[in-house]
Protein backbone atom coordinates (compact mmCIF):
# COMPACT_ATOMS: atom_id res chain seq x y z
CA UNK A 1 32.40 -44.31 34.17
CA UNK A 2 32.01 -40.63 35.06
CA UNK A 3 30.37 -39.97 31.70
CA UNK A 4 28.06 -42.95 32.17
CA UNK A 5 27.12 -41.64 35.60
CA UNK A 6 26.19 -38.32 34.10
CA UNK A 7 24.14 -39.99 31.39
CA UNK A 8 22.34 -41.98 34.04
CA UNK A 9 20.90 -38.72 35.41
CA UNK A 10 20.56 -36.84 32.11
CA UNK A 11 18.77 -39.46 30.00
CA UNK A 12 15.64 -39.66 32.17
CA UNK A 13 15.33 -35.86 32.02
CA UNK A 14 15.73 -35.82 28.25
CA UNK A 15 13.21 -38.63 27.88
CA UNK A 16 10.73 -36.81 30.12
CA UNK A 17 11.16 -33.61 28.09
CA UNK A 18 10.64 -35.46 24.82
CA UNK A 19 7.46 -37.04 26.12
CA UNK A 20 6.11 -33.84 27.65
CA UNK A 21 5.25 -32.16 24.34
CA UNK A 22 2.90 -34.88 23.06
CA UNK A 23 1.41 -35.13 26.55
CA UNK A 24 0.80 -31.39 26.58
CA UNK A 25 -0.93 -31.65 23.23
CA UNK A 26 -3.11 -34.51 24.49
CA UNK A 27 -4.29 -32.32 27.37
CA UNK A 28 -4.56 -29.18 25.25
CA UNK A 29 -6.50 -27.06 25.71
CA UNK A 30 -7.06 -27.31 29.44
CA UNK A 31 -8.37 -23.76 29.89
CA UNK A 32 -9.99 -20.96 27.86
CA UNK A 33 -8.02 -19.43 24.99
CA UNK A 34 -7.87 -15.84 23.76
CA UNK A 35 -7.85 -14.58 20.20
CA UNK A 36 -6.16 -11.22 19.77
CA UNK A 37 -7.47 -9.23 16.82
CA UNK A 38 -4.99 -6.38 16.17
CA UNK A 39 -7.67 -4.15 14.63
CA UNK A 40 -10.82 -2.36 15.86
CA UNK A 41 -14.25 -3.93 16.03
CA UNK A 42 -16.24 -3.91 12.81
CA UNK A 43 -13.24 -4.36 10.50
CA UNK A 44 -12.97 -7.33 8.16
CA UNK A 45 -10.31 -8.82 10.42
CA UNK A 46 -12.60 -8.54 13.43
CA UNK A 47 -15.57 -10.05 11.60
CA UNK A 48 -13.47 -12.98 10.39
CA UNK A 49 -12.20 -13.68 13.87
CA UNK A 50 -15.69 -13.72 15.33
CA UNK A 51 -16.85 -15.92 12.44
CA UNK A 52 -14.38 -18.75 13.14
CA UNK A 53 -14.51 -18.62 16.95
CA UNK A 54 -17.80 -20.49 17.58
CA UNK A 55 -16.87 -23.60 15.59
CA UNK A 56 -13.26 -23.60 16.81
CA UNK A 57 -14.45 -23.25 20.40
CA UNK A 58 -16.88 -26.14 19.95
CA UNK A 59 -14.16 -28.34 18.43
CA UNK A 60 -11.70 -27.52 21.21
CA UNK A 61 -14.41 -27.77 23.89
CA UNK A 62 -13.11 -24.57 25.47
CA UNK A 63 -14.16 -20.92 25.23
CA UNK A 64 -12.17 -18.55 23.03
CA UNK A 65 -12.25 -14.96 24.26
CA UNK A 66 -11.88 -12.31 21.55
CA UNK A 67 -9.78 -9.26 22.39
CA UNK A 68 -9.47 -6.29 20.01
CA UNK A 69 -6.07 -4.63 20.33
CA UNK A 70 -6.06 -2.14 17.47
CA UNK A 71 -3.51 0.55 16.69
CA UNK A 72 -0.49 1.42 14.54
CA UNK A 73 -1.35 -0.76 11.53
CA UNK A 74 -1.85 -3.81 13.70
CA UNK A 75 1.52 -3.58 15.44
CA UNK A 76 0.11 -2.93 18.94
CA UNK A 77 -1.74 -6.23 19.08
CA UNK A 78 0.99 -8.07 17.22
CA UNK A 79 3.61 -6.98 19.75
CA UNK A 80 1.47 -8.30 22.59
CA UNK A 81 1.07 -11.68 20.93
CA UNK A 82 4.78 -11.87 20.09
CA UNK A 83 5.58 -11.37 23.79
CA UNK A 84 2.96 -13.84 25.05
CA UNK A 85 3.83 -17.20 26.59
CA UNK A 86 4.23 -19.72 23.74
CA UNK A 87 1.80 -22.27 25.15
CA UNK A 88 -0.89 -22.10 22.47
CA UNK A 89 -3.44 -20.27 24.59
CA UNK A 90 -2.87 -16.92 22.84
CA UNK A 91 -3.91 -16.75 19.18
CA UNK A 92 -3.67 -13.92 16.67
CA UNK A 93 -5.78 -13.10 13.64
CA UNK A 94 -2.88 -12.10 11.40
CA UNK A 95 -3.00 -10.15 8.15
CA UNK A 96 -0.73 -9.50 5.20
CA UNK A 97 0.13 -6.16 6.78
CA UNK A 98 1.22 -7.67 10.11
CA UNK A 99 3.12 -10.62 8.65
CA UNK A 100 4.57 -9.02 5.51
CA UNK A 101 3.99 -5.36 4.69
CA UNK A 102 4.80 -3.76 8.05
CA UNK A 103 8.33 -5.15 8.03
CA UNK A 104 9.03 -3.21 4.83
CA UNK A 105 7.30 -0.03 6.02
CA UNK A 106 8.07 0.41 9.73
CA UNK A 107 11.66 0.89 10.85
CA UNK A 108 11.23 -0.18 14.49
CA UNK A 109 8.49 -2.75 14.22
CA UNK A 110 8.76 -4.22 17.70
CA UNK A 111 8.51 -7.80 16.48
CA UNK A 112 10.07 -10.11 13.91
CA UNK A 113 7.27 -11.71 11.86
CA UNK A 114 9.37 -14.70 10.79
CA UNK A 115 10.67 -15.44 14.29
CA UNK A 116 7.99 -14.28 16.69
CA UNK A 117 4.93 -15.96 15.11
CA UNK A 118 4.19 -19.55 14.20
CA UNK A 119 1.68 -20.25 11.45
CA UNK A 120 -1.45 -22.26 12.21
CA UNK A 121 -3.39 -21.93 8.97
CA UNK A 122 -4.91 -19.59 6.42
CA UNK A 123 -8.44 -18.24 6.78
CA UNK A 124 -9.45 -16.12 3.80
CA UNK A 125 -8.35 -13.85 1.00
CA UNK A 126 -10.10 -10.58 0.17
CA UNK A 127 -9.63 -9.53 -3.47
CA UNK A 128 -9.62 -5.74 -3.77
CA UNK A 129 -12.02 -4.26 -6.32
CA UNK A 130 -10.91 -1.32 -8.49
CA UNK A 131 -13.76 1.13 -7.96
CA UNK A 132 -14.76 4.59 -9.23
CA UNK A 133 -17.52 7.00 -8.26
CA UNK A 134 -20.74 6.58 -10.15
CA UNK A 135 -20.81 10.31 -10.97
CA UNK A 136 -17.53 10.12 -12.90
CA UNK A 137 -19.21 8.48 -15.87
CA UNK A 138 -16.28 6.05 -16.11
CA UNK A 139 -17.63 2.61 -17.04
CA UNK A 140 -14.60 0.42 -17.69
CA UNK A 141 -10.83 0.13 -17.50
CA UNK A 142 -10.04 1.80 -20.86
CA UNK A 143 -12.15 4.81 -19.87
CA UNK A 144 -10.43 5.04 -16.49
CA UNK A 145 -7.00 4.82 -18.16
CA UNK A 146 -7.98 7.53 -20.63
CA UNK A 147 -9.26 9.80 -17.86
CA UNK A 148 -6.10 9.40 -15.78
CA UNK A 149 -3.85 10.09 -18.77
CA UNK A 150 -5.78 13.23 -19.66
CA UNK A 151 -5.66 14.38 -16.05
CA UNK A 152 -2.16 13.24 -15.11
CA UNK A 153 -1.02 15.18 -12.06
CA UNK A 154 -4.58 16.32 -11.29
CA UNK A 155 -6.23 13.08 -10.17
CA UNK A 156 -5.99 11.23 -6.87
CA UNK A 157 -6.66 7.76 -5.54
CA UNK A 158 -7.50 6.82 -1.99
CA UNK A 159 -6.67 4.08 0.49
CA UNK A 160 -7.24 3.21 4.10
CA UNK A 161 -3.59 3.60 5.06
CA UNK A 162 -0.03 4.14 3.87
CA UNK A 163 1.67 1.06 2.46
CA UNK A 164 -1.26 -1.36 2.60
CA UNK A 165 -2.51 -3.45 -0.30
CA UNK A 166 -4.95 -0.77 -1.62
CA UNK A 167 -2.24 1.91 -1.51
CA UNK A 168 0.35 -0.21 -3.27
CA UNK A 169 -2.21 -1.39 -5.83
CA UNK A 170 -3.15 2.20 -6.66
CA UNK A 171 0.49 3.17 -7.08
CA UNK A 172 1.12 0.09 -9.23
CA UNK A 173 -1.77 1.03 -11.52
CA UNK A 174 -0.53 4.59 -11.92
CA UNK A 175 2.95 3.28 -12.69
CA UNK A 176 1.60 0.81 -15.27
CA UNK A 177 -0.31 3.62 -17.01
CA UNK A 178 2.64 6.00 -16.84
CA UNK A 179 0.62 8.73 -15.12
CA UNK A 180 1.03 10.82 -12.00
CA UNK A 181 -1.77 10.30 -9.50
CA UNK A 182 -1.70 11.63 -5.94
CA UNK A 183 -2.32 9.23 -3.07
CA UNK A 184 -4.66 10.19 -0.24
CA UNK A 185 -4.50 7.82 2.76
CA UNK A 186 -7.57 8.07 4.99
CA UNK A 187 -7.92 7.29 8.66
CA UNK A 188 -10.97 5.09 8.21
CA UNK A 189 -12.82 3.19 5.47
CA UNK A 190 -15.84 5.50 5.93
CA UNK A 191 -13.75 8.58 5.14
CA UNK A 192 -12.22 6.96 2.06
CA UNK A 193 -15.56 5.82 0.68
CA UNK A 194 -17.09 9.24 1.36
CA UNK A 195 -14.35 10.91 -0.68
CA UNK A 196 -14.84 8.41 -3.50
CA UNK A 197 -18.56 9.18 -3.52
CA UNK A 198 -17.99 12.94 -3.52
CA UNK A 199 -15.42 12.81 -6.30
CA UNK A 200 -12.51 14.05 -4.19
CA UNK A 201 -10.62 10.97 -5.36
CA UNK A 202 -10.99 9.25 -8.73
CA UNK A 203 -10.53 5.60 -7.80
CA UNK A 204 -9.76 3.22 -4.99
CA UNK A 205 -9.12 -0.48 -4.46
CA UNK A 206 -11.52 -1.82 -1.83
CA UNK A 207 -13.08 -5.06 -0.64
CA UNK A 208 -16.20 -6.15 -2.51
CA UNK A 209 -18.52 -6.45 0.51
CA UNK A 210 -17.75 -2.89 1.63
CA UNK A 211 -18.79 -1.35 -1.68
CA UNK A 212 -21.74 -3.65 -2.47
CA UNK A 213 -24.56 -1.46 -1.06
CA UNK A 214 -23.25 1.63 -2.88
CA UNK A 215 -22.80 -0.29 -6.13
CA UNK A 216 -26.39 -1.51 -5.92
CA UNK A 217 -27.49 2.10 -5.34
CA UNK A 218 -25.56 3.27 -8.40
CA UNK A 219 -23.25 5.47 -6.31
CA UNK A 220 -20.09 3.47 -7.06
CA UNK A 221 -19.02 1.45 -10.08
CA UNK A 222 -16.65 -1.56 -9.92
CA UNK A 223 -14.17 -1.67 -12.82
CA UNK A 224 -12.03 -4.78 -12.23
CA UNK A 225 -10.89 -7.20 -9.54
CA UNK A 226 -7.36 -7.33 -8.21
CA UNK A 227 -7.74 -11.02 -7.40
CA UNK A 228 -6.53 -13.93 -9.46
CA UNK A 229 -10.03 -15.29 -10.15
CA UNK A 230 -13.61 -14.17 -10.54
CA UNK A 231 -15.17 -12.05 -7.81
CA UNK A 232 -17.88 -13.85 -5.88
CA UNK A 233 -20.02 -10.72 -5.57
CA UNK A 234 -19.14 -9.21 -8.96
CA UNK A 235 -18.62 -12.22 -11.26
CA UNK A 236 -18.94 -10.05 -14.37
CA UNK A 237 -15.67 -8.25 -13.60
CA UNK A 238 -12.44 -9.21 -15.31
CA UNK A 239 -9.21 -9.50 -13.35
CA UNK A 240 -6.51 -6.90 -13.82
CA UNK A 241 -4.35 -9.58 -15.40
CA UNK A 242 -7.09 -10.45 -17.89
CA UNK A 243 -7.16 -6.76 -18.81
CA UNK A 244 -3.48 -6.88 -19.70
CA UNK A 245 -1.83 -5.84 -16.44
CA UNK A 246 0.63 -8.69 -16.03
CA UNK A 247 1.35 -10.02 -12.53
CA UNK A 248 -1.02 -7.47 -11.00
CA UNK A 249 -2.23 -8.65 -7.61
CA UNK A 250 -4.31 -6.72 -5.09
CA UNK A 251 -5.55 -9.17 -2.49
CA UNK A 252 -5.59 -8.84 1.28
CA UNK A 253 -5.27 -12.02 3.29
CA UNK A 254 -5.98 -13.26 6.80
CA UNK A 255 -4.57 -16.19 8.76
CA UNK A 256 -4.26 -17.63 12.25
CA UNK A 257 -0.97 -17.43 14.16
CA UNK A 258 0.41 -18.17 17.62
CA UNK A 259 3.58 -16.92 19.33
CA UNK A 260 6.79 -18.43 18.03
CA UNK A 261 8.07 -21.57 19.75
CA UNK A 262 4.61 -23.01 20.44
CA UNK A 263 5.08 -26.83 20.31
CA UNK A 264 4.11 -28.34 16.97
CA UNK A 265 1.65 -30.86 18.47
CA UNK A 266 -0.28 -27.93 19.99
CA UNK A 267 -0.26 -26.12 16.64
CA UNK A 268 -1.66 -29.27 15.04
CA UNK A 269 -4.57 -29.28 17.49
CA UNK A 270 -5.34 -25.65 16.68
CA UNK A 271 -4.96 -26.22 12.94
CA UNK A 272 -7.43 -29.10 13.10
CA UNK A 273 -9.96 -26.90 14.91
CA UNK A 274 -9.44 -24.08 12.40
CA UNK A 275 -9.96 -26.41 9.44
CA UNK A 276 -13.14 -27.74 11.06
CA UNK A 277 -14.42 -24.17 11.24
CA UNK A 278 -13.48 -23.31 7.66
CA UNK A 279 -14.96 -26.49 6.17
CA UNK A 280 -18.21 -26.03 8.08
CA UNK A 281 -20.84 -25.12 5.44
CA UNK A 282 -22.23 -22.29 7.56
CA UNK A 283 -18.81 -20.67 7.92
CA UNK A 284 -17.66 -21.16 4.34
CA UNK A 285 -21.02 -19.92 3.09
CA UNK A 286 -20.67 -16.68 5.04
CA UNK A 287 -17.17 -16.19 3.63
CA UNK A 288 -18.42 -16.46 0.07
CA UNK A 289 -21.40 -14.21 0.81
CA UNK A 290 -18.91 -11.65 2.12
CA UNK A 291 -16.93 -11.70 -1.11
CA UNK A 292 -14.05 -13.59 0.49
CA UNK A 293 -12.20 -16.64 -0.80
CA UNK A 294 -11.49 -19.43 1.74
CA UNK A 295 -7.75 -19.90 2.25
CA UNK A 296 -7.29 -23.30 3.88
CA UNK A 297 -3.62 -24.23 4.26
CA UNK A 298 -1.19 -26.24 6.35
CA UNK A 299 1.17 -24.49 8.77
CA UNK A 300 4.06 -25.22 6.40
CA UNK A 301 2.26 -23.77 3.39
CA UNK A 302 1.27 -20.65 5.31
CA UNK A 303 4.83 -20.17 6.56
CA UNK A 304 6.17 -20.38 3.00
CA UNK A 305 3.43 -18.05 1.73
CA UNK A 306 4.26 -15.46 4.41
CA UNK A 307 7.93 -15.54 3.47
CA UNK A 308 7.10 -14.95 -0.20
CA UNK A 309 4.76 -12.11 0.74
CA UNK A 310 7.50 -10.38 2.74
CA UNK A 311 9.74 -10.48 -0.33
CA UNK A 312 6.93 -9.20 -2.55
CA UNK A 313 6.02 -6.31 -0.27
CA UNK A 314 9.67 -5.35 0.15
CA UNK A 315 10.02 -5.15 -3.63
CA UNK A 316 6.82 -3.10 -3.93
CA UNK A 317 7.81 -0.66 -1.21
CA UNK A 318 11.30 -0.32 -2.69
CA UNK A 319 9.72 0.42 -6.06
CA UNK A 320 6.96 2.76 -4.95
CA UNK A 321 8.19 3.96 -1.57
CA UNK A 322 5.90 4.29 1.41
CA UNK A 323 3.15 5.66 -0.87
CA UNK A 324 2.78 8.68 1.38
CA UNK A 325 1.35 10.97 -1.30
């Protein structure tokens, strides 16, 4: 009887709790949301965030305020989102670095990507283009390979940061060719591109939109794409795998996340709004024009993809180190 008495009081509370989540989702969102972009304004991550916000905001019928919280390879903004209340009102424009690479590179990360973030859906992939300076005279992959072999220990490649996709791709290429090439990580894309133009570095992996004006001007020359398919802006390029570099992948990716423990019904509401934005012709058209590949996915698929990426980056960092120089 004592147990039944306890159940008499407990069951209504359990039932109310079980019903509260769907009710919360039905009323969600009831106030403005904020999208944290863990990188400075003007970056690809920032542009993508501002691209999806208008349609998502219209679908949700609530404003979405964009906040740039750049610093420390995205960890500053990521830490803030990880510590935010898990109610669905704080979103994060996540990247492969934040969700996968940083865990293998930074000892005291300040967040656990698998535990502290819940996946909403993918946004886009950005295949990195293997690029050389126009003044080098290098026109294709065989010529680049020949140049690097003849100048082993004397050449350098650049990137926009230690341990990111461009840095690891450059190290992977040098390893595949069996040559020694120094790595020069730059503090900004502008500095890296300037060094590529001046000839201070021989090659670099970079997003197609960023190099397009200089390619058109004849200042830079694209050699191959690190993606798995044809480049939207440079369709004439072959992939690294087509050129004989098996399992070679150099693609940055971007996706939407919320703090861990956000109720699934709330995530479903956000995922629906995100998909509405990505399937909108105006949005998808701008992605393609920017050299990006749409990456629409379910929360489950994105979660599984992130887990695989963490394993992949851990293996790459173990093989090539932090790619400091």
